[in-house]
Amino acid sequence: MKQPAIFIMASKRNGTLYAGVTSNLSQRVFQHKEGLTPGFTTKYGCKMLVYYELYEDMATAIAREKQIKGRSRLKKLMLIDRFNPEWRDLYLDLA
């Protein structure tokens, strides 16, 4: 199902973070979890979906992704803590 979304993957609680944007969240997270896309998430083991937001259009999602990427690490951690205080892997919730 196509729906624009932004997401944050983590290597572990308070570990390495990766923020991204996609039109198919479950597919994209699966690719990161399985290491199917070489790059940052594979190199640093970012396999946990710890945060996401869904949007109606891609332009809004991209603007939000840029906003999140421009924030400090502390602000990203606070965002995750409010949304997902236990740092659960939210991938299974997507089904």
PDB file of N, CA and C in Angstrom:
ATOM      1  N   MET A   1       0.832  -1.177   0.000  1.00  0.00           N
ATOM      2  CA  MET A   1       0.000   0.000   0.000  1.00  0.00           C
ATOM      3  C   MET A   1       0.880   1.246   0.000  1.00  0.00           C
ATOM      4  N   LYS A   2       0.576   2.160  -0.877  1.00  0.00           N
ATOM      5  CA  LYS A   2       1.377   3.381  -0.951  1.00  0.00           C
ATOM      6  C   LYS A   2       0.764   4.469  -0.093  1.00  0.00           C
ATOM      7  N   GLN A   3       1.570   4.927   0.843  1.00  0.00           N
ATOM      8  CA  GLN A   3       1.207   6.075   1.670  1.00  0.00           C
ATOM      9  C   GLN A   3       2.501   6.726   2.126  1.00  0.00           C
ATOM     10  N   PRO A   4       2.677   7.994   1.824  1.00  0.00           N
ATOM     11  CA  PRO A   4       3.896   8.680   2.246  1.00  0.00           C
ATOM     12  C   PRO A   4       4.081   8.618   3.758  1.00  0.00           C
ATOM     13  N   ALA A   5       5.331   8.437   4.157  1.00  0.00           N
ATOM     14  CA  ALA A   5       5.650   8.336   5.581  1.00  0.00           C
ATOM     15  C   ALA A   5       7.097   8.747   5.815  1.00  0.00           C
ATOM     16  N   ILE A   6       7.348   9.228   7.015  1.00  0.00           N
ATOM     17  CA  ILE A   6       8.724   9.415   7.478  1.00  0.00           C
ATOM     18  C   ILE A   6       8.934   8.390   8.590  1.00  0.00           C
ATOM     19  N   PHE A   7      10.184   8.020   8.802  1.00  0.00           N
ATOM     20  CA  PHE A   7      10.464   6.996   9.806  1.00  0.00           C
ATOM     21  C   PHE A   7      11.856   7.176  10.368  1.00  0.00           C
ATOM     22  N   ILE A   8      12.046   6.603  11.556  1.00  0.00           N
ATOM     23  CA  ILE A   8      13.380   6.570  12.163  1.00  0.00           C
ATOM     24  C   ILE A   8      13.681   5.125  12.524  1.00  0.00           C
ATOM     25  N   MET A   9      14.830   4.655  12.059  1.00  0.00           N
ATOM     26  CA  MET A   9      15.350   3.331  12.389  1.00  0.00           C
ATOM     27  C   MET A   9      16.470   3.533  13.407  1.00  0.00           C
ATOM     28  N   ALA A  10      16.650   2.539  14.290  1.00  0.00           N
ATOM     29  CA  ALA A  10      17.718   2.614  15.304  1.00  0.00           C
ATOM     30  C   ALA A  10      18.443   1.277  15.390  1.00  0.00           C
ATOM     31  N   SER A  11      19.694   1.340  15.813  1.00  0.00           N
ATOM     32  CA  SER A  11      20.481   0.117  16.008  1.00  0.00           C
ATOM     33  C   SER A  11      20.122  -0.545  17.339  1.00  0.00           C
ATOM     34  N   LYS A  12      19.734   0.282  18.319  1.00  0.00           N
ATOM     35  CA  LYS A  12      19.325  -0.173  19.656  1.00  0.00           C
ATOM     36  C   LYS A  12      18.802   1.059  20.378  1.00  0.00           C
ATOM     37  N   ARG A  13      18.326   0.889  21.590  1.00  0.00           N
ATOM     38  CA  ARG A  13      17.867   2.038  22.371  1.00  0.00           C
ATOM     39  C   ARG A  13      18.997   3.043  22.517  1.00  0.00           C
ATOM     40  N   ASN A  14      18.735   4.281  22.173  1.00  0.00           N
ATOM     41  CA  ASN A  14      19.725   5.365  22.211  1.00  0.00           C
ATOM     42  C   ASN A  14      20.949   5.098  21.339  1.00  0.00           C
ATOM     43  N   GLY A  15      20.814   4.202  20.370  1.00  0.00           N
ATOM     44  CA  GLY A  15      21.928   3.871  19.481  1.00  0.00           C
ATOM     45  C   GLY A  15      21.970   4.778  18.257  1.00  0.00           C
ATOM     46  N   THR A  16      22.545   4.264  17.195  1.00  0.00           N
ATOM     47  CA  THR A  16      22.643   5.000  15.938  1.00  0.00           C
ATOM     48  C   THR A  16      21.245   5.155  15.342  1.00  0.00           C
ATOM     49  N   LEU A  17      20.951   6.350  14.820  1.00  0.00           N
ATOM     50  CA  LEU A  17      19.643   6.653  14.257  1.00  0.00           C
ATOM     51  C   LEU A  17      19.739   6.944  12.769  1.00  0.00           C
ATOM     52  N   TYR A  18      18.681   6.582  12.050  1.00  0.00           N
ATOM     53  CA  TYR A  18      18.560   6.896  10.630  1.00  0.00           C
ATOM     54  C   TYR A  18      17.142   7.376  10.366  1.00  0.00           C
ATOM     55  N   ALA A  19      16.997   8.550   9.780  1.00  0.00           N
ATOM     56  CA  ALA A  19      15.680   9.070   9.414  1.00  0.00           C
ATOM     57  C   ALA A  19      15.528   8.992   7.903  1.00  0.00           C
ATOM     58  N   GLY A  20      14.345   8.579   7.461  1.00  0.00           N
ATOM     59  CA  GLY A  20      14.094   8.456   6.034  1.00  0.00           C
ATOM     60  C   GLY A  20      12.654   8.771   5.682  1.00  0.00           C
ATOM     61  N   VAL A  21      12.384   8.777   4.383  1.00  0.00           N
ATOM     62  CA  VAL A  21      11.041   9.018   3.853  1.00  0.00           C
ATOM     63  C   VAL A  21      10.762   7.946   2.807  1.00  0.00           C
ATOM     64  N   THR A  22       9.502   7.557   2.679  1.00  0.00           N
ATOM     65  CA  THR A  22       9.135   6.503   1.744  1.00  0.00           C
ATOM     66  C   THR A  22       7.672   6.624   1.356  1.00  0.00           C
ATOM     67  N   SER A  23       7.289   5.932   0.287  1.00  0.00           N
ATOM     68  CA  SER A  23       5.873   5.862  -0.083  1.00  0.00           C
ATOM     69  C   SER A  23       5.269   4.519   0.333  1.00  0.00           C
ATOM     70  N   ASN A  24       6.114   3.621   0.844  1.00  0.00           N
ATOM     71  CA  ASN A  24       5.635   2.303   1.281  1.00  0.00           C
ATOM     72  C   ASN A  24       6.433   1.904   2.527  1.00  0.00           C
ATOM     73  N   LEU A  25       5.917   2.263   3.677  1.00  0.00           N
ATOM     74  CA  LEU A  25       6.662   2.110   4.937  1.00  0.00           C
ATOM     75  C   LEU A  25       7.017   0.663   5.240  1.00  0.00           C
ATOM     76  N   SER A  26       6.058  -0.254   5.173  1.00  0.00           N
ATOM     77  CA  SER A  26       6.364  -1.642   5.549  1.00  0.00           C
ATOM     78  C   SER A  26       7.411  -2.251   4.618  1.00  0.00           C
ATOM     79  N   GLN A  27       7.322  -1.967   3.335  1.00  0.00           N
ATOM     80  CA  GLN A  27       8.309  -2.497   2.388  1.00  0.00           C
ATOM     81  C   GLN A  27       9.699  -1.916   2.664  1.00  0.00           C
ATOM     82  N   ARG A  28       9.754  -0.616   2.893  1.00  0.00           N
ATOM     83  CA  ARG A  28      11.051   0.037   3.106  1.00  0.00           C
ATOM     84  C   ARG A  28      11.708  -0.441   4.400  1.00  0.00           C
ATOM     85  N   VAL A  29      10.918  -0.565   5.457  1.00  0.00           N
ATOM     86  CA  VAL A  29      11.471  -1.045   6.723  1.00  0.00           C
ATOM     87  C   VAL A  29      11.961  -2.481   6.568  1.00  0.00           C
ATOM     88  N   PHE A  30      11.209  -3.312   5.858  1.00  0.00           N
ATOM     89  CA  PHE A  30      11.640  -4.688   5.594  1.00  0.00           C
ATOM     90  C   PHE A  30      13.005  -4.693   4.905  1.00  0.00           C
ATOM     91  N   GLN A  31      13.189  -3.824   3.912  1.00  0.00           N
ATOM     92  CA  GLN A  31      14.471  -3.744   3.198  1.00  0.00           C
ATOM     93  C   GLN A  31      15.604  -3.383   4.158  1.00  0.00           C
ATOM     94  N   HIS A  32      15.352  -2.454   5.050  1.00  0.00           N
ATOM     95  CA  HIS A  32      16.385  -2.067   6.025  1.00  0.00           C
ATOM     96  C   HIS A  32      16.659  -3.211   7.007  1.00  0.00           C
ATOM     97  N   LYS A  33      15.610  -3.850   7.500  1.00  0.00           N
ATOM     98  CA  LYS A  33      15.778  -4.934   8.473  1.00  0.00           C
ATOM     99  C   LYS A  33      16.570  -6.099   7.886  1.00  0.00           C
ATOM    100  N   GLU A  34      16.340  -6.395   6.627  1.00  0.00           N
ATOM    101  CA  GLU A  34      16.997  -7.531   5.970  1.00  0.00           C
ATOM    102  C   GLU A  34      18.337  -7.165   5.338  1.00  0.00           C
ATOM    103  N   GLY A  35      18.725  -5.907   5.404  1.00  0.00           N
ATOM    104  CA  GLY A  35      19.997  -5.482   4.824  1.00  0.00           C
ATOM    105  C   GLY A  35      20.015  -5.544   3.312  1.00  0.00           C
ATOM    106  N   LEU A  36      18.854  -5.385   2.672  1.00  0.00           N
ATOM    107  CA  LEU A  36      18.741  -5.497   1.218  1.00  0.00           C
ATOM    108  C   LEU A  36      19.232  -4.253   0.490  1.00  0.00           C
ATOM    109  N   THR A  37      19.368  -3.159   1.223  1.00  0.00           N
ATOM    110  CA  THR A  37      19.822  -1.906   0.633  1.00  0.00           C
ATOM    111  C   THR A  37      21.157  -1.532   1.253  1.00  0.00           C
ATOM    112  N   PRO A  38      22.243  -1.649   0.494  1.00  0.00           N
ATOM    113  CA  PRO A  38      23.532  -1.274   1.059  1.00  0.00           C
ATOM    114  C   PRO A  38      23.539   0.210   1.426  1.00  0.00           C
ATOM    115  N   GLY A  39      24.214   0.526   2.498  1.00  0.00           N
ATOM    116  CA  GLY A  39      24.298   1.923   2.901  1.00  0.00           C
ATOM    117  C   GLY A  39      24.349   2.072   4.402  1.00  0.00           C
ATOM    118  N   PHE A  40      23.919   3.216   4.872  1.00  0.00           N
ATOM    119  CA  PHE A  40      24.047   3.602   6.277  1.00  0.00           C
ATOM    120  C   PHE A  40      23.398   2.601   7.224  1.00  0.00           C
ATOM    121  N   THR A  41      22.130   2.231   6.958  1.00  0.00           N
ATOM    122  CA  THR A  41      21.422   1.355   7.903  1.00  0.00           C
ATOM    123  C   THR A  41      22.060  -0.025   7.983  1.00  0.00           C
ATOM    124  N   THR A  42      22.561  -0.514   6.871  1.00  0.00           N
ATOM    125  CA  THR A  42      23.235  -1.815   6.872  1.00  0.00           C
ATOM    126  C   THR A  42      24.571  -1.711   7.614  1.00  0.00           C
ATOM    127  N   LYS A  43      25.330  -0.661   7.316  1.00  0.00           N
ATOM    128  CA  LYS A  43      26.640  -0.472   7.938  1.00  0.00           C
ATOM    129  C   LYS A  43      26.544  -0.345   9.456  1.00  0.00           C
ATOM    130  N   TYR A  44      25.521   0.369   9.944  1.00  0.00           N
ATOM    131  CA  TYR A  44      25.417   0.644  11.376  1.00  0.00           C
ATOM    132  C   TYR A  44      24.354  -0.196  12.094  1.00  0.00           C
ATOM    133  N   GLY A  45      23.780  -1.154  11.397  1.00  0.00           N
ATOM    134  CA  GLY A  45      22.843  -2.085  12.030  1.00  0.00           C
ATOM    135  C   GLY A  45      21.541  -1.461  12.499  1.00  0.00           C
ATOM    136  N   CYS A  46      21.059  -0.473  11.784  1.00  0.00           N
ATOM    137  CA  CYS A  46      19.790   0.179  12.146  1.00  0.00           C
ATOM    138  C   CYS A  46      18.633  -0.675  11.623  1.00  0.00           C
ATOM    139  N   LYS A  47      18.146  -1.572  12.458  1.00  0.00           N
ATOM    140  CA  LYS A  47      17.126  -2.532  12.033  1.00  0.00           C
ATOM    141  C   LYS A  47      15.821  -2.425  12.811  1.00  0.00           C
ATOM    142  N   MET A  48      15.756  -1.507  13.754  1.00  0.00           N
ATOM    143  CA  MET A  48      14.539  -1.336  14.561  1.00  0.00           C
ATOM    144  C   MET A  48      13.771  -0.095  14.107  1.00  0.00           C
ATOM    145  N   LEU A  49      12.503  -0.259  13.762  1.00  0.00           N
ATOM    146  CA  LEU A  49      11.644   0.879  13.473  1.00  0.00           C
ATOM    147  C   LEU A  49      11.158   1.429  14.809  1.00  0.00           C
ATOM    148  N   VAL A  50      11.603   2.630  15.165  1.00  0.00           N
ATOM    149  CA  VAL A  50      11.260   3.178  16.479  1.00  0.00           C
ATOM    150  C   VAL A  50      10.335   4.383  16.409  1.00  0.00           C
ATOM    151  N   TYR A  51      10.122   4.919  15.197  1.00  0.00           N
ATOM    152  CA  TYR A  51       9.268   6.098  15.056  1.00  0.00           C
ATOM    153  C   TYR A  51       8.781   6.189  13.622  1.00  0.00           C
ATOM    154  N   TYR A  52       7.538   6.646  13.446  1.00  0.00           N
ATOM    155  CA  TYR A  52       7.049   6.947  12.100  1.00  0.00           C
ATOM    156  C   TYR A  52       5.865   7.894  12.161  1.00  0.00           C
ATOM    157  N   GLU A  53       5.648   8.575  11.051  1.00  0.00           N
ATOM    158  CA  GLU A  53       4.497   9.452  10.861  1.00  0.00           C
ATOM    159  C   GLU A  53       3.979   9.209   9.448  1.00  0.00           C
ATOM    160  N   LEU A  54       2.665   9.141   9.277  1.00  0.00           N
ATOM    161  CA  LEU A  54       2.047   8.936   7.970  1.00  0.00           C
ATOM    162  C   LEU A  54       1.517  10.269   7.447  1.00  0.00           C
ATOM    163  N   TYR A  55       1.567  10.452   6.117  1.00  0.00           N
ATOM    164  CA  TYR A  55       1.153  11.706   5.491  1.00  0.00           C
ATOM    165  C   TYR A  55       0.260  11.444   4.293  1.00  0.00           C
ATOM    166  N   GLU A  56      -0.475  12.461   3.910  1.00  0.00           N
ATOM    167  CA  GLU A  56      -1.367  12.378   2.748  1.00  0.00           C
ATOM    168  C   GLU A  56      -0.610  12.552   1.435  1.00  0.00           C
ATOM    169  N   ASP A  57       0.475  13.328   1.458  1.00  0.00           N
ATOM    170  CA  ASP A  57       1.212  13.571   0.215  1.00  0.00           C
ATOM    171  C   ASP A  57       2.718  13.550   0.478  1.00  0.00           C
ATOM    172  N   MET A  58       3.458  13.227  -0.578  1.00  0.00           N
ATOM    173  CA  MET A  58       4.903  13.057  -0.469  1.00  0.00           C
ATOM    174  C   MET A  58       5.618  14.375  -0.179  1.00  0.00           C
ATOM    175  N   ALA A  59       5.134  15.474  -0.716  1.00  0.00           N
ATOM    176  CA  ALA A  59       5.805  16.763  -0.484  1.00  0.00           C
ATOM    177  C   ALA A  59       5.829  17.106   1.007  1.00  0.00           C
ATOM    178  N   THR A  60       4.736  16.867   1.696  1.00  0.00           N
ATOM    179  CA  THR A  60       4.675  17.138   3.135  1.00  0.00           C
ATOM    180  C   THR A  60       5.598  16.197   3.898  1.00  0.00           C
ATOM    181  N   ALA A  61       5.620  14.929   3.482  1.00  0.00           N
ATOM    182  CA  ALA A  61       6.496  13.947   4.130  1.00  0.00           C
ATOM    183  C   ALA A  61       7.964  14.331   3.958  1.00  0.00           C
ATOM    184  N   ILE A  62       8.342  14.749   2.768  1.00  0.00           N
ATOM    185  CA  ILE A  62       9.731  15.139   2.507  1.00  0.00           C
ATOM    186  C   ILE A  62      10.109  16.367   3.345  1.00  0.00           C
ATOM    187  N   ALA A  63       9.202  17.328   3.440  1.00  0.00           N
ATOM    188  CA  ALA A  63       9.467  18.519   4.258  1.00  0.00           C
ATOM    189  C   ALA A  63       9.663  18.128   5.721  1.00  0.00           C
ATOM    190  N   ARG A  64       8.857  17.203   6.211  1.00  0.00           N
ATOM    191  CA  ARG A  64       8.980  16.752   7.602  1.00  0.00           C
ATOM    192  C   ARG A  64      10.290  15.991   7.811  1.00  0.00           C
ATOM    193  N   GLU A  65      10.662  15.150   6.850  1.00  0.00           N
ATOM    194  CA  GLU A  65      11.929  14.418   6.954  1.00  0.00           C
ATOM    195  C   GLU A  65      13.103  15.398   7.069  1.00  0.00           C
ATOM    196  N   LYS A  66      13.097  16.421   6.249  1.00  0.00           N
ATOM    197  CA  LYS A  66      14.172  17.425   6.303  1.00  0.00           C
ATOM    198  C   LYS A  66      14.189  18.123   7.655  1.00  0.00           C
ATOM    199  N   GLN A  67      13.016  18.402   8.194  1.00  0.00           N
ATOM    200  CA  GLN A  67      12.921  19.040   9.504  1.00  0.00           C
ATOM    201  C   GLN A  67      13.533  18.145  10.578  1.00  0.00           C
ATOM    202  N   ILE A  68      13.180  16.872  10.560  1.00  0.00           N
ATOM    203  CA  ILE A  68      13.706  15.923  11.558  1.00  0.00           C
ATOM    204  C   ILE A  68      15.209  15.751  11.397  1.00  0.00           C
ATOM    205  N   LYS A  69      15.676  15.606  10.158  1.00  0.00           N
ATOM    206  CA  LYS A  69      17.116  15.435   9.930  1.00  0.00           C
ATOM    207  C   LYS A  69      17.907  16.656  10.388  1.00  0.00           C
ATOM    208  N   GLY A  70      17.283  17.828  10.369  1.00  0.00           N
ATOM    209  CA  GLY A  70      17.955  19.052  10.782  1.00  0.00           C
ATOM    210  C   GLY A  70      17.996  19.254  12.291  1.00  0.00           C
ATOM    211  N   ARG A  71      17.268  18.433  13.012  1.00  0.00           N
ATOM    212  CA  ARG A  71      17.234  18.560  14.472  1.00  0.00           C
ATOM    213  C   ARG A  71      18.467  17.921  15.100  1.00  0.00           C
ATOM    214  N   SER A  72      18.712  18.299  16.324  1.00  0.00           N
ATOM    215  CA  SER A  72      19.821  17.701  17.064  1.00  0.00           C
ATOM    216  C   SER A  72      19.482  16.251  17.418  1.00  0.00           C
ATOM    217  N   ARG A  73      20.497  15.497  17.733  1.00  0.00           N
ATOM    218  CA  ARG A  73      20.292  14.113  18.158  1.00  0.00           C
ATOM    219  C   ARG A  73      19.396  14.065  19.393  1.00  0.00           C
ATOM    220  N   LEU A  74      19.607  14.969  20.329  1.00  0.00           N
ATOM    221  CA  LEU A  74      18.800  15.004  21.549  1.00  0.00           C
ATOM    222  C   LEU A  74      17.314  15.183  21.221  1.00  0.00           C
ATOM    223  N   LYS A  75      17.000  16.066  20.299  1.00  0.00           N
ATOM    224  CA  LYS A  75      15.600  16.280  19.924  1.00  0.00           C
ATOM    225  C   LYS A  75      15.009  15.053  19.245  1.00  0.00           C
ATOM    226  N   LYS A  76      15.816  14.351  18.461  1.00  0.00           N
ATOM    227  CA  LYS A  76      15.335  13.103  17.843  1.00  0.00           C
ATOM    228  C   LYS A  76      15.055  12.058  18.914  1.00  0.00           C
ATOM    229  N   LEU A  77      15.932  11.947  19.888  1.00  0.00           N
ATOM    230  CA  LEU A  77      15.731  10.994  20.983  1.00  0.00           C
ATOM    231  C   LEU A  77      14.472  11.338  21.780  1.00  0.00           C
ATOM    232  N   MET A  78      14.250  12.621  22.023  1.00  0.00           N
ATOM    233  CA  MET A  78      13.053  13.044  22.745  1.00  0.00           C
ATOM    234  C   MET A  78      11.788  12.728  21.946  1.00  0.00           C
ATOM    235  N   LEU A  79      11.833  12.916  20.633  1.00  0.00           N
ATOM    236  CA  LEU A  79      10.709  12.594  19.761  1.00  0.00           C
ATOM    237  C   LEU A  79      10.372  11.108  19.855  1.00  0.00           C
ATOM    238  N   ILE A  80      11.387  10.270  19.789  1.00  0.00           N
ATOM    239  CA  ILE A  80      11.187   8.817  19.894  1.00  0.00           C
ATOM    240  C   ILE A  80      10.651   8.462  21.275  1.00  0.00           C
ATOM    241  N   ASP A  81      11.236   9.022  22.318  1.00  0.00           N
ATOM    242  CA  ASP A  81      10.808   8.720  23.697  1.00  0.00           C
ATOM    243  C   ASP A  81       9.333   9.052  23.930  1.00  0.00           C
ATOM    244  N   ARG A  82       8.844  10.147  23.347  1.00  0.00           N
ATOM    245  CA  ARG A  82       7.429  10.508  23.506  1.00  0.00           C
ATOM    246  C   ARG A  82       6.519   9.554  22.735  1.00  0.00           C
ATOM    247  N   PHE A  83       6.919   9.167  21.546  1.00  0.00           N
ATOM    248  CA  PHE A  83       6.111   8.319  20.671  1.00  0.00           C
ATOM    249  C   PHE A  83       6.190   6.844  21.058  1.00  0.00           C
ATOM    250  N   ASN A  84       7.366   6.423  21.481  1.00  0.00           N
ATOM    251  CA  ASN A  84       7.655   5.005  21.707  1.00  0.00           C
ATOM    252  C   ASN A  84       8.583   4.880  22.921  1.00  0.00           C
ATOM    253  N   PRO A  85       8.067   5.145  24.135  1.00  0.00           N
ATOM    254  CA  PRO A  85       8.928   5.206  25.322  1.00  0.00           C
ATOM    255  C   PRO A  85       9.680   3.909  25.626  1.00  0.00           C
ATOM    256  N   GLU A  86       9.171   2.796  25.176  1.00  0.00           N
ATOM    257  CA  GLU A  86       9.853   1.519  25.430  1.00  0.00           C
ATOM    258  C   GLU A  86      10.816   1.136  24.310  1.00  0.00           C
ATOM    259  N   TRP A  87      10.893   1.963  23.289  1.00  0.00           N
ATOM    260  CA  TRP A  87      11.757   1.705  22.138  1.00  0.00           C
ATOM    261  C   TRP A  87      11.472   0.327  21.530  1.00  0.00           C
ATOM    262  N   ARG A  88      10.197  -0.020  21.447  1.00  0.00           N
ATOM    263  CA  ARG A  88       9.818  -1.276  20.788  1.00  0.00           C
ATOM    264  C   ARG A  88      10.073  -1.165  19.289  1.00  0.00           C
ATOM    265  N   ASP A  89      10.322  -2.287  18.666  1.00  0.00           N
ATOM    266  CA  ASP A  89      10.397  -2.333  17.205  1.00  0.00           C
ATOM    267  C   ASP A  89       8.953  -2.309  16.705  1.00  0.00           C
ATOM    268  N   LEU A  90       8.563  -1.237  16.048  1.00  0.00           N
ATOM    269  CA  LEU A  90       7.187  -1.014  15.633  1.00  0.00           C
ATOM    270  C   LEU A  90       6.831  -1.698  14.309  1.00  0.00           C
ATOM    271  N   TYR A  91       7.763  -2.409  13.734  1.00  0.00           N
ATOM    272  CA  TYR A  91       7.531  -3.034  12.430  1.00  0.00           C
ATOM    273  C   TYR A  91       6.306  -3.947  12.427  1.00  0.00           C
ATOM    274  N   LEU A  92       6.140  -4.753  13.454  1.00  0.00           N
ATOM    275  CA  LEU A  92       5.010  -5.689  13.492  1.00  0.00           C
ATOM    276  C   LEU A  92       3.668  -4.965  13.627  1.00  0.00           C
ATOM    277  N   ASP A  93       3.684  -3.748  14.120  1.00  0.00           N
ATOM    278  CA  ASP A  93       2.453  -2.964  14.247  1.00  0.00           C
ATOM    279  C   ASP A  93       1.943  -2.467  12.896  1.00  0.00           C
ATOM    280  N   LEU A  94       2.755  -2.528  11.866  1.00  0.00           N
ATOM    281  CA  LEU A  94       2.377  -1.988  10.566  1.00  0.00           C
ATOM    282  C   LEU A  94       1.370  -2.852   9.813  1.00  0.00           C
ATOM    283  N   ALA A  95       1.286  -4.120  10.168  1.00  0.00           N
ATOM    284  CA  ALA A  95       0.403  -5.056   9.428  1.00  0.00           C
ATOM    285  C   ALA A  95      -1.051  -4.745   9.581  1.00  0.00           C
TER     286      ALA A  95
END
